[in-house]
Amino acid sequence: MGPEHGFLTRLARLWIMRAIRKEWILLAVWMSVIFGTSCRFISSEELSKAVSTHGPIAISPSSFDRFWDSYWWVFVKGYHVLEFALLAVLLLKPLRFKLPFVASFALLYAASDEFHQTFVPGRGGRVSDVLIDAIGIVAVCLVVSFVRKRQASLHQPKPSYSIQQ
């Protein structure tokens, strides 16, 4: 192998580094976080014990259990909305702000995540959770669409009105 091999290796590394931009890396990390949180089932007993012993304020397990029984859905379903809203945000740049692609990819990932959960003991995949994930995805797409329209209207020339005699 001659000196051209070293040059080609460096050139290939440079090309790969440019191809793997930071937005793709952030996207892969966040998708891994979503996957990782879907791999684990935390029982309400485990959560109650963790919060009552390690939480920022002292709370008895029974008090936490009463709170959790009433408001679990705000945290659990709210997390679904936020995790997939963030996924949609992270997809914007790599997919060049093409909202149909962003929404489709994020929804497919949401569906695959729920399917994956059917294999995790104690978890289950639900179509309703995909629909809840869609709330975050659609919210991001609506905000981006609104901002685009707003920017377009600000850059259009204003009609001039003149009074003719």
C-alpha atoms as a PDB file:
ATOM      1  CA  MET A   1       0.000   0.000   0.000  1.00  0.00           C
ATOM      2  CA  GLY A   2       1.444   3.269  -1.131  1.00  0.00           C
ATOM      3  CA  PRO A   3       1.132   6.842   0.076  1.00  0.00           C
ATOM      4  CA  GLU A   4      -2.142   7.252  -1.832  1.00  0.00           C
ATOM      5  CA  HIS A   5      -3.786   4.794   0.609  1.00  0.00           C
ATOM      6  CA  GLY A   6      -3.172   7.158   3.548  1.00  0.00           C
ATOM      7  CA  PHE A   7      -4.572  10.072   1.553  1.00  0.00           C
ATOM      8  CA  LEU A   8      -7.697   8.100   0.611  1.00  0.00           C
ATOM      9  CA  THR A   9      -8.213   7.025   4.213  1.00  0.00           C
ATOM     10  CA  ARG A  10      -8.008  10.630   5.429  1.00  0.00           C
ATOM     11  CA  LEU A  11     -10.313  11.748   2.615  1.00  0.00           C
ATOM     12  CA  ALA A  12     -12.838   9.038   3.526  1.00  0.00           C
ATOM     13  CA  ARG A  13     -12.745  10.047   7.206  1.00  0.00           C
ATOM     14  CA  LEU A  14     -13.286  13.689   6.280  1.00  0.00           C
ATOM     15  CA  TRP A  15     -16.231  12.785   4.072  1.00  0.00           C
ATOM     16  CA  ILE A  16     -17.781  10.639   6.806  1.00  0.00           C
ATOM     17  CA  MET A  17     -17.367  13.379   9.421  1.00  0.00           C
ATOM     18  CA  ARG A  18     -19.052  15.916   7.158  1.00  0.00           C
ATOM     19  CA  ALA A  19     -21.847  13.475   6.381  1.00  0.00           C
ATOM     20  CA  ILE A  20     -22.523  12.859  10.061  1.00  0.00           C
ATOM     21  CA  ARG A  21     -23.514  16.305  11.188  1.00  0.00           C
ATOM     22  CA  LYS A  22     -24.337  17.230  14.728  1.00  0.00           C
ATOM     23  CA  GLU A  23     -28.085  17.387  14.018  1.00  0.00           C
ATOM     24  CA  TRP A  24     -28.043  13.715  13.019  1.00  0.00           C
ATOM     25  CA  ILE A  25     -26.084  12.853  16.146  1.00  0.00           C
ATOM     26  CA  LEU A  26     -28.542  14.747  18.387  1.00  0.00           C
ATOM     27  CA  LEU A  27     -31.405  13.007  16.611  1.00  0.00           C
ATOM     28  CA  ALA A  28     -29.830   9.574  17.133  1.00  0.00           C
ATOM     29  CA  VAL A  29     -29.193  10.333  20.807  1.00  0.00           C
ATOM     30  CA  TRP A  30     -32.796  11.430  21.388  1.00  0.00           C
ATOM     31  CA  MET A  31     -34.168   8.414  19.528  1.00  0.00           C
ATOM     32  CA  SER A  32     -31.973   6.260  21.780  1.00  0.00           C
ATOM     33  CA  VAL A  33     -33.394   7.990  24.862  1.00  0.00           C
ATOM     34  CA  ILE A  34     -36.934   7.274  23.662  1.00  0.00           C
ATOM     35  CA  PHE A  35     -36.016   3.655  22.990  1.00  0.00           C
ATOM     36  CA  GLY A  36     -34.253   3.352  26.347  1.00  0.00           C
ATOM     37  CA  THR A  37     -37.185   4.706  28.336  1.00  0.00           C
ATOM     38  CA  SER A  38     -39.455   2.262  26.519  1.00  0.00           C
ATOM     39  CA  CYS A  39     -37.278  -0.687  27.579  1.00  0.00           C
ATOM     40  CA  ARG A  40     -38.002  -0.313  31.265  1.00  0.00           C
ATOM     41  CA  PHE A  41     -41.135  -0.767  33.309  1.00  0.00           C
ATOM     42  CA  ILE A  42     -41.272   1.149  36.579  1.00  0.00           C
ATOM     43  CA  SER A  43     -44.009   0.023  38.927  1.00  0.00           C
ATOM     44  CA  SER A  44     -45.920   2.570  40.962  1.00  0.00           C
ATOM     45  CA  GLU A  45     -44.377   1.033  44.098  1.00  0.00           C
ATOM     46  CA  GLU A  46     -40.847   1.618  42.763  1.00  0.00           C
ATOM     47  CA  LEU A  47     -41.731   5.164  41.765  1.00  0.00           C
ATOM     48  CA  SER A  48     -43.375   5.881  45.116  1.00  0.00           C
ATOM     49  CA  LYS A  49     -40.352   4.594  47.020  1.00  0.00           C
ATOM     50  CA  ALA A  50     -37.897   6.553  44.846  1.00  0.00           C
ATOM     51  CA  VAL A  51     -39.817   9.825  45.131  1.00  0.00           C
ATOM     52  CA  SER A  52     -40.491   9.523  48.853  1.00  0.00           C
ATOM     53  CA  THR A  53     -36.841   8.733  49.680  1.00  0.00           C
ATOM     54  CA  HIS A  54     -34.951  10.764  47.067  1.00  0.00           C
ATOM     55  CA  GLY A  55     -37.362  13.548  46.170  1.00  0.00           C
ATOM     56  CA  PRO A  56     -36.654  17.233  46.767  1.00  0.00           C
ATOM     57  CA  ILE A  57     -39.253  17.423  49.542  1.00  0.00           C
ATOM     58  CA  ALA A  58     -40.209  14.932  52.227  1.00  0.00           C
ATOM     59  CA  ILE A  59     -43.355  13.071  51.283  1.00  0.00           C
ATOM     60  CA  SER A  60     -44.778   9.861  52.646  1.00  0.00           C
ATOM     61  CA  PRO A  61     -45.314   6.945  50.272  1.00  0.00           C
ATOM     62  CA  SER A  62     -49.060   6.993  50.990  1.00  0.00           C
ATOM     63  CA  SER A  63     -49.295  10.716  50.160  1.00  0.00           C
ATOM     64  CA  PHE A  64     -47.407  10.178  46.929  1.00  0.00           C
ATOM     65  CA  ASP A  65     -49.622   7.207  46.057  1.00  0.00           C
ATOM     66  CA  ARG A  66     -52.763   9.344  46.485  1.00  0.00           C
ATOM     67  CA  PHE A  67     -51.240  12.084  44.329  1.00  0.00           C
ATOM     68  CA  TRP A  68     -50.065   9.609  41.670  1.00  0.00           C
ATOM     69  CA  ASP A  69     -53.459   7.858  41.510  1.00  0.00           C
ATOM     70  CA  SER A  70     -55.072  11.181  40.586  1.00  0.00           C
ATOM     71  CA  TYR A  71     -52.461  12.800  38.348  1.00  0.00           C
ATOM     72  CA  TRP A  72     -50.316  10.033  36.797  1.00  0.00           C
ATOM     73  CA  TRP A  73     -51.768  10.674  33.360  1.00  0.00           C
ATOM     74  CA  VAL A  74     -50.543  14.300  33.336  1.00  0.00           C
ATOM     75  CA  PHE A  75     -46.956  13.147  33.772  1.00  0.00           C
ATOM     76  CA  VAL A  76     -47.021   9.963  31.711  1.00  0.00           C
ATOM     77  CA  LYS A  77     -49.041  11.250  28.776  1.00  0.00           C
ATOM     78  CA  GLY A  78     -47.419  14.688  29.008  1.00  0.00           C
ATOM     79  CA  TYR A  79     -44.052  12.991  28.639  1.00  0.00           C
ATOM     80  CA  HIS A  80     -45.342  11.242  25.497  1.00  0.00           C
ATOM     81  CA  VAL A  81     -46.318  14.594  23.984  1.00  0.00           C
ATOM     82  CA  LEU A  82     -43.034  16.268  24.915  1.00  0.00           C
ATOM     83  CA  GLU A  83     -40.718  13.443  23.853  1.00  0.00           C
ATOM     84  CA  PHE A  84     -42.235  13.288  20.365  1.00  0.00           C
ATOM     85  CA  ALA A  85     -42.487  17.072  20.048  1.00  0.00           C
ATOM     86  CA  LEU A  86     -38.749  17.190  20.696  1.00  0.00           C
ATOM     87  CA  LEU A  87     -38.227  14.388  18.171  1.00  0.00           C
ATOM     88  CA  ALA A  88     -40.110  16.445  15.573  1.00  0.00           C
ATOM     89  CA  VAL A  89     -38.000  19.522  16.385  1.00  0.00           C
ATOM     90  CA  LEU A  90     -34.805  17.495  16.002  1.00  0.00           C
ATOM     91  CA  LEU A  91     -36.049  16.122  12.660  1.00  0.00           C
ATOM     92  CA  LEU A  92     -36.667  19.571  11.169  1.00  0.00           C
ATOM     93  CA  LYS A  93     -33.129  20.380  10.064  1.00  0.00           C
ATOM     94  CA  PRO A  94     -32.028  16.925   8.882  1.00  0.00           C
ATOM     95  CA  LEU A  95     -35.238  16.608   6.840  1.00  0.00           C
ATOM     96  CA  ARG A  96     -34.880  20.169   5.545  1.00  0.00           C
ATOM     97  CA  PHE A  97     -38.062  21.440   7.220  1.00  0.00           C
ATOM     98  CA  LYS A  98     -40.267  19.283   4.973  1.00  0.00           C
ATOM     99  CA  LEU A  99     -43.150  18.918   7.389  1.00  0.00           C
ATOM    100  CA  PRO A 100     -44.825  15.899   5.748  1.00  0.00           C
ATOM    101  CA  PHE A 101     -41.548  13.969   6.065  1.00  0.00           C
ATOM    102  CA  VAL A 102     -40.992  15.184   9.631  1.00  0.00           C
ATOM    103  CA  ALA A 103     -44.503  14.167  10.691  1.00  0.00           C
ATOM    104  CA  SER A 104     -44.367  10.826   8.857  1.00  0.00           C
ATOM    105  CA  PHE A 105     -40.978   9.835  10.258  1.00  0.00           C
ATOM    106  CA  ALA A 106     -41.915  10.854  13.809  1.00  0.00           C
ATOM    107  CA  LEU A 107     -45.258   9.015  13.631  1.00  0.00           C
ATOM    108  CA  LEU A 108     -43.597   5.893  12.270  1.00  0.00           C
ATOM    109  CA  TYR A 109     -41.071   6.032  15.096  1.00  0.00           C
ATOM    110  CA  ALA A 110     -43.904   6.484  17.609  1.00  0.00           C
ATOM    111  CA  ALA A 111     -45.701   3.454  16.197  1.00  0.00           C
ATOM    112  CA  SER A 112     -42.509   1.381  16.197  1.00  0.00           C
ATOM    113  CA  ASP A 113     -41.837   2.447  19.787  1.00  0.00           C
ATOM    114  CA  GLU A 114     -45.276   1.248  20.878  1.00  0.00           C
ATOM    115  CA  PHE A 115     -44.762  -2.013  18.979  1.00  0.00           C
ATOM    116  CA  HIS A 116     -41.397  -2.423  20.723  1.00  0.00           C
ATOM    117  CA  GLN A 117     -43.107  -1.987  24.093  1.00  0.00           C
ATOM    118  CA  THR A 118     -45.224  -5.091  23.440  1.00  0.00           C
ATOM    119  CA  PHE A 119     -42.029  -7.119  23.958  1.00  0.00           C
ATOM    120  CA  VAL A 120     -41.114  -5.439  27.268  1.00  0.00           C
ATOM    121  CA  PRO A 121     -42.434  -7.255  30.365  1.00  0.00           C
ATOM    122  CA  GLY A 122     -44.981  -5.092  32.178  1.00  0.00           C
ATOM    123  CA  ARG A 123     -45.374  -2.723  29.228  1.00  0.00           C
ATOM    124  CA  GLY A 124     -47.809  -2.726  26.366  1.00  0.00           C
ATOM    125  CA  GLY A 125     -48.118  -0.926  23.072  1.00  0.00           C
ATOM    126  CA  ARG A 126     -51.196   1.226  22.642  1.00  0.00           C
ATOM    127  CA  VAL A 127     -52.614   2.971  19.603  1.00  0.00           C
ATOM    128  CA  SER A 128     -53.866   5.680  21.975  1.00  0.00           C
ATOM    129  CA  ASP A 129     -50.255   6.424  22.952  1.00  0.00           C
ATOM    130  CA  VAL A 130     -49.317   6.871  19.283  1.00  0.00           C
ATOM    131  CA  LEU A 131     -52.192   9.351  18.987  1.00  0.00           C
ATOM    132  CA  ILE A 132     -50.939  11.165  22.089  1.00  0.00           C
ATOM    133  CA  ASP A 133     -47.429  11.219  20.576  1.00  0.00           C
ATOM    134  CA  ALA A 134     -49.022  12.705  17.455  1.00  0.00           C
ATOM    135  CA  ILE A 135     -50.237  15.685  19.507  1.00  0.00           C
ATOM    136  CA  GLY A 136     -46.634  16.760  20.105  1.00  0.00           C
ATOM    137  CA  ILE A 137     -45.657  16.101  16.478  1.00  0.00           C
ATOM    138  CA  VAL A 138     -48.616  18.015  15.058  1.00  0.00           C
ATOM    139  CA  ALA A 139     -48.057  20.881  17.493  1.00  0.00           C
ATOM    140  CA  VAL A 140     -44.480  21.335  16.243  1.00  0.00           C
ATOM    141  CA  CYS A 141     -45.602  21.150  12.608  1.00  0.00           C
ATOM    142  CA  LEU A 142     -48.356  23.721  13.220  1.00  0.00           C
ATOM    143  CA  VAL A 143     -45.964  26.125  14.945  1.00  0.00           C
ATOM    144  CA  VAL A 144     -43.415  25.806  12.113  1.00  0.00           C
ATOM    145  CA  SER A 145     -46.154  26.300   9.519  1.00  0.00           C
ATOM    146  CA  PHE A 146     -47.465  29.377  11.345  1.00  0.00           C
ATOM    147  CA  VAL A 147     -43.967  30.877  11.634  1.00  0.00           C
ATOM    148  CA  ARG A 148     -43.335  30.265   7.929  1.00  0.00           C
ATOM    149  CA  LYS A 149     -46.577  31.980   6.939  1.00  0.00           C
ATOM    150  CA  ARG A 150     -45.877  34.852   9.291  1.00  0.00           C
ATOM    151  CA  GLN A 151     -42.378  35.339   7.883  1.00  0.00           C
ATOM    152  CA  ALA A 152     -43.689  35.154   4.323  1.00  0.00           C
ATOM    153  CA  SER A 153     -46.325  37.799   5.019  1.00  0.00           C
ATOM    154  CA  LEU A 154     -43.741  40.105   6.590  1.00  0.00           C
ATOM    155  CA  HIS A 155     -41.500  39.861   3.515  1.00  0.00           C
ATOM    156  CA  GLN A 156     -44.212  40.544   0.948  1.00  0.00           C
ATOM    157  CA  PRO A 157     -44.269  44.073  -0.427  1.00  0.00           C
ATOM    158  CA  LYS A 158     -47.047  46.190   0.980  1.00  0.00           C
ATOM    159  CA  PRO A 159     -49.619  47.306  -1.551  1.00  0.00           C
ATOM    160  CA  SER A 160     -49.408  50.990  -2.240  1.00  0.00           C
ATOM    161  CA  TYR A 161     -52.593  52.897  -2.496  1.00  0.00           C
ATOM    162  CA  SER A 162     -52.600  56.057  -4.509  1.00  0.00           C
ATOM    163  CA  ILE A 163     -55.395  58.449  -5.077  1.00  0.00           C
ATOM    164  CA  GLN A 164     -55.886  59.177  -8.721  1.00  0.00           C
ATOM    165  CA  GLN A 165     -57.398  62.441  -9.832  1.00  0.00           C
END
